[in-house]
Protein backbone atom coordinates (compact mmCIF):
# COMPACT_ATOMS: atom_id res chain seq x y z
CA UNK A 1 3.33 -1.17 35.26
CA UNK A 2 6.28 -0.29 33.03
CA UNK A 3 5.47 1.44 29.73
CA UNK A 4 5.93 -0.72 26.65
CA UNK A 5 9.24 -0.21 24.87
CA UNK A 6 8.89 0.85 21.24
CA UNK A 7 9.68 -1.85 18.72
CA UNK A 8 12.60 -1.55 16.31
CA UNK A 9 10.06 -0.91 13.56
CA UNK A 10 8.58 2.00 15.50
CA UNK A 11 12.04 3.43 16.13
CA UNK A 12 12.89 3.22 12.42
CA UNK A 13 9.56 4.80 11.49
CA UNK A 14 10.11 7.68 13.92
CA UNK A 15 13.58 8.32 12.51
CA UNK A 16 12.28 8.34 8.97
CA UNK A 17 9.55 10.81 9.93
CA UNK A 18 12.22 13.30 10.97
CA UNK A 19 14.17 12.67 7.77
CA UNK A 20 11.06 13.10 5.65
CA UNK A 21 10.40 16.54 7.14
CA UNK A 22 13.72 17.75 5.64
CA UNK A 23 12.63 17.16 2.03
CA UNK A 24 11.16 19.72 -0.38
CA UNK A 25 7.47 19.52 0.41
CA UNK A 26 6.37 21.95 -2.28
CA UNK A 27 7.91 19.64 -4.86
CA UNK A 28 5.82 16.76 -3.47
CA UNK A 29 2.70 18.93 -3.54
CA UNK A 30 3.26 19.86 -7.18
CA UNK A 31 4.20 16.36 -8.31
CA UNK A 32 1.19 14.60 -6.79
CA UNK A 33 -1.33 17.47 -6.48
CA UNK A 34 -1.47 16.99 -2.71
CA UNK A 35 -3.86 18.91 -0.51
CA UNK A 36 -2.04 20.87 2.18
CA UNK A 37 -2.18 23.67 4.71
CA UNK A 38 0.46 25.26 6.92
CA UNK A 39 0.51 22.27 9.28
CA UNK A 40 -0.07 19.13 7.22
CA UNK A 41 0.15 17.39 3.87
CA UNK A 42 -2.91 15.27 3.06
CA UNK A 43 -3.29 12.17 0.90
CA UNK A 44 -5.29 8.98 0.56
CA UNK A 45 -3.57 5.62 0.88
CA UNK A 46 -5.27 2.20 0.60
CA UNK A 47 -8.72 3.58 1.39
CA UNK A 48 -7.76 5.80 4.31
CA UNK A 49 -7.17 9.53 4.70
CA UNK A 50 -3.73 10.44 6.04
CA UNK A 51 -2.08 13.61 7.22
CA UNK A 52 1.66 14.23 7.53
CA UNK A 53 3.05 16.87 9.88
CA UNK A 54 5.07 19.38 7.89
CA UNK A 55 7.34 20.06 10.87
CA UNK A 56 8.11 16.59 12.28
CA UNK A 57 6.87 14.16 9.62
CA UNK A 58 4.51 12.29 11.97
CA UNK A 59 2.07 10.41 9.75
CA UNK A 60 -1.46 9.62 10.93
CA UNK A 61 -4.70 8.21 9.53
CA UNK A 62 -8.18 9.13 10.62
CA UNK A 63 -10.24 6.43 12.36
CA UNK A 64 -14.00 6.85 11.95
CA UNK A 65 -14.55 4.32 14.72
CA UNK A 66 -12.40 6.16 17.25
CA UNK A 67 -13.07 9.66 15.88
CA UNK A 68 -9.37 10.33 16.21
CA UNK A 69 -6.06 10.23 14.34
CA UNK A 70 -3.93 7.08 14.69
CA UNK A 71 -0.14 7.00 14.29
CA UNK A 72 0.61 5.11 11.06
CA UNK A 73 2.56 1.88 11.26
CA UNK A 74 5.90 1.01 9.69
CA UNK A 75 4.62 -0.42 6.39
CA UNK A 76 2.31 2.53 5.80
CA UNK A 77 4.85 5.21 6.68
CA UNK A 78 7.73 3.72 4.72
CA UNK A 79 5.59 3.40 1.59
CA UNK A 80 4.28 6.95 1.85
CA UNK A 81 7.73 8.43 2.51
CA UNK A 82 9.35 6.52 -0.34
CA UNK A 83 6.76 7.61 -2.88
CA UNK A 84 6.59 11.27 -1.83
CA UNK A 85 10.28 11.89 -1.18
CA UNK A 86 12.15 9.57 -3.57
CA UNK A 87 9.95 9.04 -6.65
CA UNK A 88 11.57 10.00 -9.93
CA UNK A 89 10.87 13.39 -11.51
CA UNK A 90 8.11 13.20 -14.09
CA UNK A 91 6.96 9.75 -12.98
CA UNK A 92 3.81 8.61 -14.76
CA UNK A 93 1.83 5.42 -15.30
CA UNK A 94 2.49 3.17 -18.28
CA UNK A 95 -1.10 1.93 -18.29
CA UNK A 96 -0.31 -1.80 -18.29
CA UNK A 97 0.04 -4.22 -15.41
CA UNK A 98 2.83 -6.78 -15.07
CA UNK A 99 4.08 -9.18 -12.35
CA UNK A 100 6.63 -7.66 -9.98
CA UNK A 101 9.37 -9.81 -11.54
CA UNK A 102 8.81 -8.09 -14.91
CA UNK A 103 9.26 -4.53 -13.66
CA UNK A 104 12.20 -2.56 -15.12
CA UNK A 105 15.45 -2.86 -13.21
CA UNK A 106 14.47 -5.96 -11.23
CA UNK A 107 16.75 -8.98 -10.97
CA UNK A 108 16.18 -12.71 -10.96
CA UNK A 109 15.61 -12.51 -7.21
CA UNK A 110 12.40 -10.63 -8.00
CA UNK A 111 10.80 -13.93 -9.01
CA UNK A 112 11.19 -15.13 -5.44
CA UNK A 113 9.90 -11.79 -4.17
CA UNK A 114 6.77 -12.25 -6.26
CA UNK A 115 5.95 -15.35 -4.20
CA UNK A 116 6.42 -13.64 -0.83
CA UNK A 117 2.69 -13.30 -0.34
CA UNK A 118 1.59 -16.70 -1.61
CA UNK A 119 1.18 -17.93 1.97
CA UNK A 120 -1.34 -15.13 2.53
CA UNK A 121 -3.64 -16.68 -0.10
CA UNK A 122 -5.24 -19.01 2.43
CA UNK A 123 -6.56 -16.05 4.41
CA UNK A 124 -9.16 -15.45 1.71
CA UNK A 125 -9.98 -19.08 0.80
CA UNK A 126 -13.74 -19.60 0.72
CA UNK A 127 -14.33 -15.85 1.17
CA UNK A 128 -14.64 -14.64 -2.41
CA UNK A 129 -17.76 -12.54 -1.86
CA UNK A 130 -16.27 -10.81 1.18
CA UNK A 131 -12.97 -10.24 -0.63
CA UNK A 132 -14.81 -8.80 -3.64
CA UNK A 133 -16.69 -6.40 -1.35
CA UNK A 134 -13.47 -5.47 0.47
CA UNK A 135 -11.88 -4.53 -2.85
CA UNK A 136 -14.93 -2.40 -3.65
CA UNK A 137 -14.69 -0.63 -0.29
CA UNK A 138 -11.08 0.28 -1.12
CA UNK A 139 -12.23 1.87 -4.37
CA UNK A 140 -11.39 -1.13 -6.54
CA UNK A 141 -12.63 -1.56 -10.10
CA UNK A 142 -13.60 -5.18 -10.91
CA UNK A 143 -11.39 -7.08 -13.35
CA UNK A 144 -11.95 -10.27 -15.32
CA UNK A 145 -9.10 -12.65 -14.39
CA UNK A 146 -9.58 -15.03 -11.47
CA UNK A 147 -12.44 -15.67 -9.06
CA UNK A 148 -11.84 -12.17 -7.70
CA UNK A 149 -10.02 -9.47 -9.63
CA UNK A 150 -9.79 -5.77 -8.90
CA UNK A 151 -7.72 -2.71 -9.77
CA UNK A 152 -7.23 -1.00 -6.40
CA UNK A 153 -5.93 2.56 -5.93
CA UNK A 154 -2.99 2.17 -3.54
CA UNK A 155 -2.62 5.93 -3.92
CA UNK A 156 -4.99 8.06 -5.98
CA UNK A 157 -2.23 8.19 -8.59
CA UNK A 158 -0.88 4.61 -8.34
CA UNK A 159 -2.98 1.42 -8.68
CA UNK A 160 -2.29 -2.26 -8.16
CA UNK A 161 -4.21 -5.22 -9.58
CA UNK A 162 -5.32 -8.06 -7.31
CA UNK A 163 -6.04 -11.48 -8.78
CA UNK A 164 -7.38 -14.32 -6.61
CA UNK A 165 -8.27 -17.91 -7.40
CA UNK A 166 -10.12 -19.77 -4.65
CA UNK A 167 -9.07 -23.18 -3.37
CA UNK A 168 -10.73 -26.35 -4.67
CA UNK A 169 -10.30 -30.09 -4.24
CA UNK A 170 -7.03 -30.11 -6.18
CA UNK A 171 -5.39 -26.72 -5.70
CA UNK A 172 -4.72 -24.26 -2.91
CA UNK A 173 -5.92 -20.68 -3.15
CA UNK A 174 -3.70 -18.33 -5.20
CA UNK A 175 -3.29 -14.60 -4.56
CA UNK A 176 -1.35 -12.43 -7.01
CA UNK A 177 -0.62 -8.74 -7.33
CA UNK A 178 0.22 -6.99 -10.58
CA UNK A 179 1.72 -3.52 -10.79
CA UNK A 180 1.87 -0.78 -13.40
CA UNK A 181 5.01 -1.22 -15.50
CA UNK A 182 6.35 2.14 -14.25
CA UNK A 183 5.78 1.48 -10.53
CA UNK A 184 9.52 1.48 -9.78
CA UNK A 185 9.57 5.12 -10.93
CA UNK A 186 7.26 5.81 -7.98
CA UNK A 187 8.87 3.63 -5.31
CA UNK A 188 11.83 1.33 -4.78
CA UNK A 189 11.21 -2.32 -5.58
CA UNK A 190 11.77 -3.21 -1.92
CA UNK A 191 9.07 -0.76 -0.85
CA UNK A 192 6.50 -2.67 -2.87
CA UNK A 193 6.67 -5.39 -0.19
CA UNK A 194 5.59 -2.85 2.46
CA UNK A 195 2.77 -1.59 0.24
CA UNK A 196 1.57 -5.10 -0.60
CA UNK A 197 1.62 -6.27 3.01
CA UNK A 198 -0.37 -3.25 4.10
CA UNK A 199 -2.88 -3.80 1.29
CA UNK A 200 -3.33 -7.43 2.37
CA UNK A 201 -3.80 -6.34 5.99
CA UNK A 202 -6.46 -3.81 4.96
CA UNK A 203 -8.32 -6.39 2.88
CA UNK A 204 -8.18 -8.91 5.72
CA UNK A 205 -9.46 -6.31 8.17
CA UNK A 206 -12.45 -5.44 5.98
CA UNK A 207 -13.25 -9.09 5.20
CA UNK A 208 -13.34 -9.88 8.93
CA UNK A 209 -15.58 -6.87 9.58
CA UNK A 210 -17.99 -8.04 6.88
CA UNK A 211 -18.22 -11.52 8.38
């Protein structure tokens, strides 16, 4: 049986790992108060513990189920690399959440980008209790807007706000994400799509485990 060929996403991830290893790691450590040793940088991302090889950039998360480290996927790796290597000096939270289209430096096309995940809303229709518990498992703090609302730590230093309205006889389910006004100081606008998709995948995974 022939070994599976790596996907284009895996190839891009592997290339970016090597590029990441060239950046000033001590600057990342200082900026985000990362734990580290001679071999790895450590951080938490969407409810999982990750380690990044300081020599080759390979990024892995620890699986309690498998008692082993798993190679991170494209969305995870690209988000982590963008934040650690390309965030602006002195980046800090503004303390207020806004839709992605209202972030500084975005264009009119951002309005369309804000609807990219609307089709994912149906995943959680009729599953409010499970979604609420999934948010809690990711460290979320309950909010007040929507049938489910939670401020979730994407990184320990960077939150996102989930707002969900369940479907009824007249309307489909609605899923929205709000971001701190200064999020584009931490990552490129395009990277927010990777972060959001991974967050949705993690919530879906936990909801399915609960059911």
